[in-house]
Amino acid sequence: MINEENKWLDFIAGINSIMVSNEEEFNKFRKFLDDLGIGKLLKDYRNFSDWQHLARINNKNPNYLVFEFQITKGLTFGYTKESSKNWFGVEPLNVKDLESFYTNSRLLSMKFEKKNEVELEEEIEK
């Protein structure tokens, strides 16, 4: 497992799932996928209610969805929290675990901006 600050990497690496239990969380999850450039994995199911409908069709609990990502399978859902824990050996991630992605992204962006400023200043001095 990745350190506590980067739990979202466990999801992307396919070594943990993420549990989404309401529309607000789903919107954050969708934004996360979009910001990673893999939002197309949701296909036409871009709303929480769409996934709830699929859960009902598949006799799954529509009040929370457990998503899993693997490069070979793409995005899947429908596992129970218990089956996910049995499979991965840990509790599924929560949407709040994605927050560090944005913190780290901002920090990385700031480092690149600072580096570019320094390089620009060095160019001007030449």
N, C-alpha and C. Protein backbone atom coordinates (compact mmCIF):
# COMPACT_ATOMS: atom_id res chain seq x y z
N MET A 1 0.84 -1.18 0.00
CA MET A 1 0.00 0.00 0.00
C MET A 1 0.89 1.25 0.00
N ILE A 2 0.47 2.26 -0.72
CA ILE A 2 1.15 3.54 -0.79
C ILE A 2 0.95 4.28 0.53
N ASN A 3 1.81 5.26 0.84
CA ASN A 3 1.65 5.98 2.10
C ASN A 3 0.29 6.67 2.17
N GLU A 4 -0.07 7.08 3.35
CA GLU A 4 -1.40 7.65 3.61
C GLU A 4 -1.73 8.83 2.71
N GLU A 5 -0.74 9.61 2.30
CA GLU A 5 -1.00 10.80 1.49
C GLU A 5 -1.33 10.46 0.05
N ASN A 6 -0.95 9.31 -0.40
CA ASN A 6 -1.13 8.97 -1.81
C ASN A 6 -1.95 7.70 -2.00
N LYS A 7 -2.97 7.53 -1.19
CA LYS A 7 -3.81 6.32 -1.30
C LYS A 7 -4.44 6.20 -2.67
N TRP A 8 -4.70 7.33 -3.33
CA TRP A 8 -5.32 7.30 -4.65
C TRP A 8 -4.50 6.49 -5.63
N LEU A 9 -3.20 6.41 -5.42
CA LEU A 9 -2.35 5.62 -6.31
C LEU A 9 -2.69 4.13 -6.22
N ASP A 10 -3.17 3.69 -5.05
CA ASP A 10 -3.59 2.29 -4.91
C ASP A 10 -4.73 1.98 -5.87
N PHE A 11 -5.62 2.92 -6.04
CA PHE A 11 -6.74 2.73 -6.97
C PHE A 11 -6.22 2.64 -8.40
N ILE A 12 -5.39 3.59 -8.79
CA ILE A 12 -4.86 3.63 -10.16
C ILE A 12 -3.99 2.41 -10.45
N ALA A 13 -3.27 1.94 -9.43
CA ALA A 13 -2.40 0.78 -9.60
C ALA A 13 -3.18 -0.54 -9.61
N GLY A 14 -4.48 -0.48 -9.30
CA GLY A 14 -5.28 -1.69 -9.31
C GLY A 14 -5.10 -2.56 -8.09
N ILE A 15 -4.64 -1.95 -6.97
CA ILE A 15 -4.44 -2.75 -5.76
C ILE A 15 -5.42 -2.38 -4.65
N ASN A 16 -6.39 -1.54 -4.97
CA ASN A 16 -7.49 -1.26 -4.05
C ASN A 16 -8.65 -0.67 -4.85
N SER A 17 -9.80 -0.74 -4.25
CA SER A 17 -11.01 -0.20 -4.87
C SER A 17 -11.38 1.11 -4.17
N ILE A 18 -12.41 1.76 -4.68
CA ILE A 18 -12.89 2.99 -4.06
C ILE A 18 -14.41 2.90 -3.92
N MET A 19 -14.89 3.29 -2.77
CA MET A 19 -16.33 3.23 -2.50
C MET A 19 -16.94 4.62 -2.68
N VAL A 20 -18.03 4.67 -3.43
CA VAL A 20 -18.77 5.91 -3.70
C VAL A 20 -20.20 5.69 -3.20
N SER A 21 -20.66 6.58 -2.32
CA SER A 21 -21.97 6.32 -1.71
C SER A 21 -23.03 7.39 -1.95
N ASN A 22 -22.69 8.44 -2.67
CA ASN A 22 -23.71 9.45 -2.97
C ASN A 22 -23.28 10.27 -4.18
N GLU A 23 -24.17 11.14 -4.62
CA GLU A 23 -23.92 11.89 -5.84
C GLU A 23 -22.74 12.85 -5.71
N GLU A 24 -22.61 13.49 -4.55
CA GLU A 24 -21.49 14.42 -4.34
C GLU A 24 -20.15 13.68 -4.46
N GLU A 25 -20.07 12.51 -3.83
CA GLU A 25 -18.85 11.72 -3.94
C GLU A 25 -18.61 11.27 -5.37
N PHE A 26 -19.68 10.87 -6.05
CA PHE A 26 -19.52 10.43 -7.43
C PHE A 26 -18.98 11.56 -8.30
N ASN A 27 -19.49 12.77 -8.09
CA ASN A 27 -19.01 13.92 -8.88
C ASN A 27 -17.52 14.17 -8.64
N LYS A 28 -17.08 14.01 -7.40
CA LYS A 28 -15.65 14.16 -7.10
C LYS A 28 -14.84 13.04 -7.76
N PHE A 29 -15.38 11.84 -7.72
CA PHE A 29 -14.72 10.69 -8.35
C PHE A 29 -14.63 10.89 -9.86
N ARG A 30 -15.73 11.34 -10.46
CA ARG A 30 -15.74 11.61 -11.91
C ARG A 30 -14.72 12.68 -12.26
N LYS A 31 -14.64 13.75 -11.47
CA LYS A 31 -13.67 14.82 -11.72
C LYS A 31 -12.24 14.27 -11.62
N PHE A 32 -12.01 13.43 -10.64
CA PHE A 32 -10.70 12.80 -10.48
C PHE A 32 -10.33 12.02 -11.74
N LEU A 33 -11.24 11.20 -12.23
CA LEU A 33 -10.97 10.43 -13.45
C LEU A 33 -10.75 11.37 -14.64
N ASP A 34 -11.57 12.40 -14.75
CA ASP A 34 -11.42 13.37 -15.83
C ASP A 34 -10.06 14.06 -15.76
N ASP A 35 -9.66 14.47 -14.55
CA ASP A 35 -8.39 15.17 -14.38
C ASP A 35 -7.19 14.28 -14.66
N LEU A 36 -7.37 12.98 -14.47
CA LEU A 36 -6.31 12.03 -14.84
C LEU A 36 -6.31 11.74 -16.34
N GLY A 37 -7.34 12.18 -17.03
CA GLY A 37 -7.44 11.92 -18.46
C GLY A 37 -8.06 10.57 -18.78
N ILE A 38 -8.71 9.95 -17.79
CA ILE A 38 -9.33 8.64 -18.04
C ILE A 38 -10.83 8.67 -17.75
N GLY A 39 -11.40 9.84 -17.80
CA GLY A 39 -12.83 9.98 -17.55
C GLY A 39 -13.69 9.23 -18.55
N LYS A 40 -13.14 8.93 -19.72
CA LYS A 40 -13.90 8.19 -20.73
C LYS A 40 -14.24 6.78 -20.28
N LEU A 41 -13.56 6.32 -19.22
CA LEU A 41 -13.87 4.99 -18.69
C LEU A 41 -15.31 4.90 -18.19
N LEU A 42 -15.88 6.04 -17.83
CA LEU A 42 -17.27 6.06 -17.36
C LEU A 42 -18.25 5.90 -18.51
N LYS A 43 -17.75 6.05 -19.73
CA LYS A 43 -18.56 5.95 -20.95
C LYS A 43 -19.77 6.87 -20.86
N ASP A 44 -20.96 6.36 -21.08
CA ASP A 44 -22.17 7.19 -21.04
C ASP A 44 -22.75 7.31 -19.64
N TYR A 45 -22.13 6.66 -18.69
CA TYR A 45 -22.64 6.66 -17.32
C TYR A 45 -21.92 7.72 -16.49
N ARG A 46 -22.28 8.98 -16.70
CA ARG A 46 -21.57 10.09 -16.08
C ARG A 46 -22.29 10.63 -14.85
N ASN A 47 -23.37 9.99 -14.45
CA ASN A 47 -24.13 10.43 -13.27
C ASN A 47 -24.25 9.28 -12.28
N PHE A 48 -24.34 9.64 -11.01
CA PHE A 48 -24.49 8.63 -9.95
C PHE A 48 -25.76 7.81 -10.19
N SER A 49 -26.83 8.46 -10.62
CA SER A 49 -28.09 7.74 -10.83
C SER A 49 -27.96 6.69 -11.93
N ASP A 50 -27.11 6.93 -12.93
CA ASP A 50 -26.86 5.93 -13.97
C ASP A 50 -26.26 4.66 -13.37
N TRP A 51 -25.30 4.83 -12.47
CA TRP A 51 -24.64 3.69 -11.84
C TRP A 51 -25.56 3.01 -10.85
N GLN A 52 -26.40 3.79 -10.18
CA GLN A 52 -27.38 3.18 -9.29
C GLN A 52 -28.33 2.27 -10.08
N HIS A 53 -28.73 2.74 -11.24
CA HIS A 53 -29.61 1.95 -12.10
C HIS A 53 -28.93 0.63 -12.50
N LEU A 54 -27.65 0.72 -12.90
CA LEU A 54 -26.90 -0.49 -13.26
C LEU A 54 -26.77 -1.43 -12.06
N ALA A 55 -26.58 -0.86 -10.87
CA ALA A 55 -26.48 -1.69 -9.67
C ALA A 55 -27.78 -2.45 -9.43
N ARG A 56 -28.90 -1.76 -9.60
CA ARG A 56 -30.20 -2.42 -9.40
C ARG A 56 -30.40 -3.56 -10.41
N ILE A 57 -30.05 -3.29 -11.65
CA ILE A 57 -30.17 -4.31 -12.70
C ILE A 57 -29.35 -5.55 -12.35
N ASN A 58 -28.18 -5.31 -11.74
CA ASN A 58 -27.26 -6.41 -11.41
C ASN A 58 -27.42 -6.92 -9.98
N ASN A 59 -28.57 -6.56 -9.36
CA ASN A 59 -28.84 -6.99 -7.99
C ASN A 59 -27.75 -6.61 -7.01
N LYS A 60 -27.20 -5.41 -7.16
CA LYS A 60 -26.19 -4.86 -6.25
C LYS A 60 -26.82 -3.74 -5.45
N ASN A 61 -26.22 -3.39 -4.35
CA ASN A 61 -26.71 -2.31 -3.50
C ASN A 61 -26.51 -0.97 -4.22
N PRO A 62 -27.58 -0.24 -4.53
CA PRO A 62 -27.43 1.04 -5.24
C PRO A 62 -27.04 2.19 -4.31
N ASN A 63 -26.96 1.94 -3.01
CA ASN A 63 -26.63 3.01 -2.07
C ASN A 63 -25.14 3.23 -1.90
N TYR A 64 -24.36 2.28 -2.33
CA TYR A 64 -22.93 2.52 -2.45
C TYR A 64 -22.39 1.63 -3.55
N LEU A 65 -21.45 2.17 -4.27
CA LEU A 65 -20.84 1.46 -5.38
C LEU A 65 -19.35 1.34 -5.09
N VAL A 66 -18.80 0.19 -5.37
CA VAL A 66 -17.38 -0.02 -5.18
C VAL A 66 -16.77 -0.16 -6.57
N PHE A 67 -15.91 0.80 -6.93
CA PHE A 67 -15.28 0.80 -8.24
C PHE A 67 -13.87 0.23 -8.13
N GLU A 68 -13.48 -0.47 -9.16
CA GLU A 68 -12.14 -1.04 -9.25
C GLU A 68 -11.58 -0.66 -10.61
N PHE A 69 -10.28 -0.41 -10.66
CA PHE A 69 -9.64 -0.08 -11.94
C PHE A 69 -8.44 -0.99 -12.13
N GLN A 70 -8.37 -1.60 -13.30
CA GLN A 70 -7.19 -2.35 -13.71
C GLN A 70 -6.98 -2.08 -15.18
N ILE A 71 -5.76 -1.93 -15.55
CA ILE A 71 -5.45 -1.59 -16.95
C ILE A 71 -6.04 -2.62 -17.90
N THR A 72 -5.99 -3.89 -17.54
CA THR A 72 -6.48 -4.93 -18.45
C THR A 72 -8.00 -5.01 -18.52
N LYS A 73 -8.69 -4.59 -17.44
CA LYS A 73 -10.16 -4.69 -17.40
C LYS A 73 -10.84 -3.34 -17.51
N GLY A 74 -10.11 -2.28 -17.26
CA GLY A 74 -10.73 -0.96 -17.23
C GLY A 74 -11.41 -0.71 -15.89
N LEU A 75 -12.53 -0.01 -15.92
CA LEU A 75 -13.27 0.33 -14.71
C LEU A 75 -14.41 -0.66 -14.53
N THR A 76 -14.47 -1.29 -13.37
CA THR A 76 -15.55 -2.20 -13.05
C THR A 76 -16.20 -1.76 -11.75
N PHE A 77 -17.38 -2.27 -11.47
CA PHE A 77 -18.08 -1.94 -10.24
C PHE A 77 -18.94 -3.10 -9.81
N GLY A 78 -19.50 -2.94 -8.62
CA GLY A 78 -20.49 -3.91 -8.19
C GLY A 78 -20.06 -4.81 -7.07
N TYR A 79 -18.82 -4.79 -6.72
CA TYR A 79 -18.38 -5.62 -5.61
C TYR A 79 -18.92 -5.05 -4.30
N THR A 80 -19.17 -5.91 -3.37
CA THR A 80 -19.55 -5.42 -2.05
C THR A 80 -18.29 -4.98 -1.33
N LYS A 81 -18.47 -4.18 -0.32
CA LYS A 81 -17.35 -3.73 0.49
C LYS A 81 -16.60 -4.93 1.05
N GLU A 82 -17.34 -5.92 1.49
CA GLU A 82 -16.74 -7.12 2.08
C GLU A 82 -15.94 -7.92 1.05
N SER A 83 -16.50 -8.10 -0.14
CA SER A 83 -15.76 -8.87 -1.15
C SER A 83 -14.53 -8.11 -1.61
N SER A 84 -14.63 -6.79 -1.67
CA SER A 84 -13.47 -5.98 -2.03
C SER A 84 -12.37 -6.12 -0.97
N LYS A 85 -12.78 -6.05 0.28
CA LYS A 85 -11.80 -6.20 1.38
C LYS A 85 -11.16 -7.58 1.34
N ASN A 86 -11.95 -8.61 1.07
CA ASN A 86 -11.40 -9.97 0.97
C ASN A 86 -10.42 -10.08 -0.20
N TRP A 87 -10.74 -9.45 -1.31
CA TRP A 87 -9.89 -9.55 -2.51
C TRP A 87 -8.60 -8.77 -2.34
N PHE A 88 -8.69 -7.52 -1.89
CA PHE A 88 -7.51 -6.65 -1.80
C PHE A 88 -6.81 -6.72 -0.44
N GLY A 89 -7.50 -7.23 0.58
CA GLY A 89 -6.89 -7.33 1.89
C GLY A 89 -6.95 -6.05 2.72
N VAL A 90 -7.62 -5.03 2.21
CA VAL A 90 -7.76 -3.75 2.91
C VAL A 90 -9.14 -3.19 2.62
N GLU A 91 -9.57 -2.26 3.47
CA GLU A 91 -10.83 -1.57 3.25
C GLU A 91 -10.76 -0.78 1.93
N PRO A 92 -11.87 -0.68 1.20
CA PRO A 92 -11.87 0.17 0.01
C PRO A 92 -11.56 1.62 0.39
N LEU A 93 -10.98 2.33 -0.54
CA LEU A 93 -10.72 3.75 -0.33
C LEU A 93 -12.03 4.51 -0.30
N ASN A 94 -12.00 5.68 0.30
CA ASN A 94 -13.12 6.61 0.27
C ASN A 94 -12.77 7.75 -0.67
N VAL A 95 -13.75 8.45 -1.14
CA VAL A 95 -13.51 9.56 -2.07
C VAL A 95 -12.59 10.60 -1.45
N LYS A 96 -12.66 10.79 -0.13
CA LYS A 96 -11.79 11.77 0.52
C LYS A 96 -10.32 11.41 0.35
N ASP A 97 -10.03 10.14 0.07
CA ASP A 97 -8.64 9.73 -0.16
C ASP A 97 -8.08 10.27 -1.47
N LEU A 98 -8.96 10.81 -2.32
CA LEU A 98 -8.51 11.40 -3.59
C LEU A 98 -8.00 12.82 -3.41
N GLU A 99 -8.29 13.44 -2.27
CA GLU A 99 -7.93 14.84 -2.05
C GLU A 99 -6.44 15.10 -2.16
N SER A 100 -5.62 14.14 -1.74
CA SER A 100 -4.18 14.34 -1.81
C SER A 100 -3.69 14.43 -3.26
N PHE A 101 -4.44 13.84 -4.18
CA PHE A 101 -4.09 13.96 -5.60
C PHE A 101 -4.04 15.43 -5.99
N TYR A 102 -5.03 16.21 -5.55
CA TYR A 102 -5.09 17.62 -5.90
C TYR A 102 -4.05 18.42 -5.14
N THR A 103 -3.80 18.07 -3.90
CA THR A 103 -2.76 18.76 -3.13
C THR A 103 -1.41 18.53 -3.80
N ASN A 104 -1.10 17.28 -4.10
CA ASN A 104 0.18 16.96 -4.74
C ASN A 104 0.28 17.55 -6.13
N SER A 105 -0.82 17.58 -6.87
CA SER A 105 -0.82 18.16 -8.21
C SER A 105 -0.50 19.65 -8.14
N ARG A 106 -1.10 20.34 -7.17
CA ARG A 106 -0.83 21.78 -7.02
C ARG A 106 0.62 22.01 -6.63
N LEU A 107 1.13 21.20 -5.71
CA LEU A 107 2.53 21.35 -5.30
C LEU A 107 3.47 21.10 -6.48
N LEU A 108 3.20 20.07 -7.24
CA LEU A 108 4.02 19.76 -8.40
C LEU A 108 3.95 20.88 -9.42
N SER A 109 2.75 21.40 -9.65
CA SER A 109 2.57 22.51 -10.57
C SER A 109 3.36 23.73 -10.11
N MET A 110 3.31 24.00 -8.82
CA MET A 110 4.04 25.15 -8.28
C MET A 110 5.55 24.96 -8.45
N LYS A 111 6.04 23.72 -8.29
CA LYS A 111 7.47 23.45 -8.47
C LYS A 111 7.87 23.69 -9.91
N PHE A 112 7.04 23.25 -10.87
CA PHE A 112 7.35 23.48 -12.27
C PHE A 112 7.33 24.97 -12.59
N GLU A 113 6.35 25.68 -12.07
CA GLU A 113 6.29 27.12 -12.31
C GLU A 113 7.52 27.81 -11.76
N LYS A 114 7.93 27.45 -10.55
CA LYS A 114 9.12 28.04 -9.93
C LYS A 114 10.35 27.71 -10.75
N LYS A 115 10.48 26.46 -11.20
CA LYS A 115 11.62 26.05 -12.01
C LYS A 115 11.65 26.85 -13.31
N ASN A 116 10.50 27.03 -13.94
CA ASN A 116 10.43 27.80 -15.18
C ASN A 116 10.81 29.25 -14.95
N GLU A 117 10.40 29.81 -13.81
CA GLU A 117 10.77 31.19 -13.49
C GLU A 117 12.29 31.32 -13.35
N VAL A 118 12.91 30.37 -12.65
CA VAL A 118 14.36 30.38 -12.46
C VAL A 118 15.06 30.25 -13.80
N GLU A 119 14.61 29.34 -14.65
CA GLU A 119 15.21 29.16 -15.97
C GLU A 119 15.06 30.42 -16.81
N LEU A 120 13.92 31.08 -16.73
CA LEU A 120 13.69 32.30 -17.48
C LEU A 120 14.63 33.39 -16.98
N GLU A 121 14.78 33.52 -15.68
CA GLU A 121 15.69 34.52 -15.12
C GLU A 121 17.12 34.25 -15.55
N GLU A 122 17.52 32.99 -15.59
CA GLU A 122 18.87 32.63 -16.03
C GLU A 122 19.06 32.97 -17.49
N GLU A 123 18.06 32.76 -18.32
CA GLU A 123 18.13 33.11 -19.74
C GLU A 123 18.27 34.61 -19.92
N ILE A 124 17.52 35.37 -19.15
CA ILE A 124 17.56 36.83 -19.24
C ILE A 124 18.94 37.34 -18.83
N GLU A 125 19.53 36.72 -17.81
CA GLU A 125 20.85 37.15 -17.34
C GLU A 125 21.93 36.88 -18.37
N LYS A 126 21.75 35.91 -19.26
CA LYS A 126 22.75 35.56 -20.28
C LYS A 126 22.74 36.59 -21.33
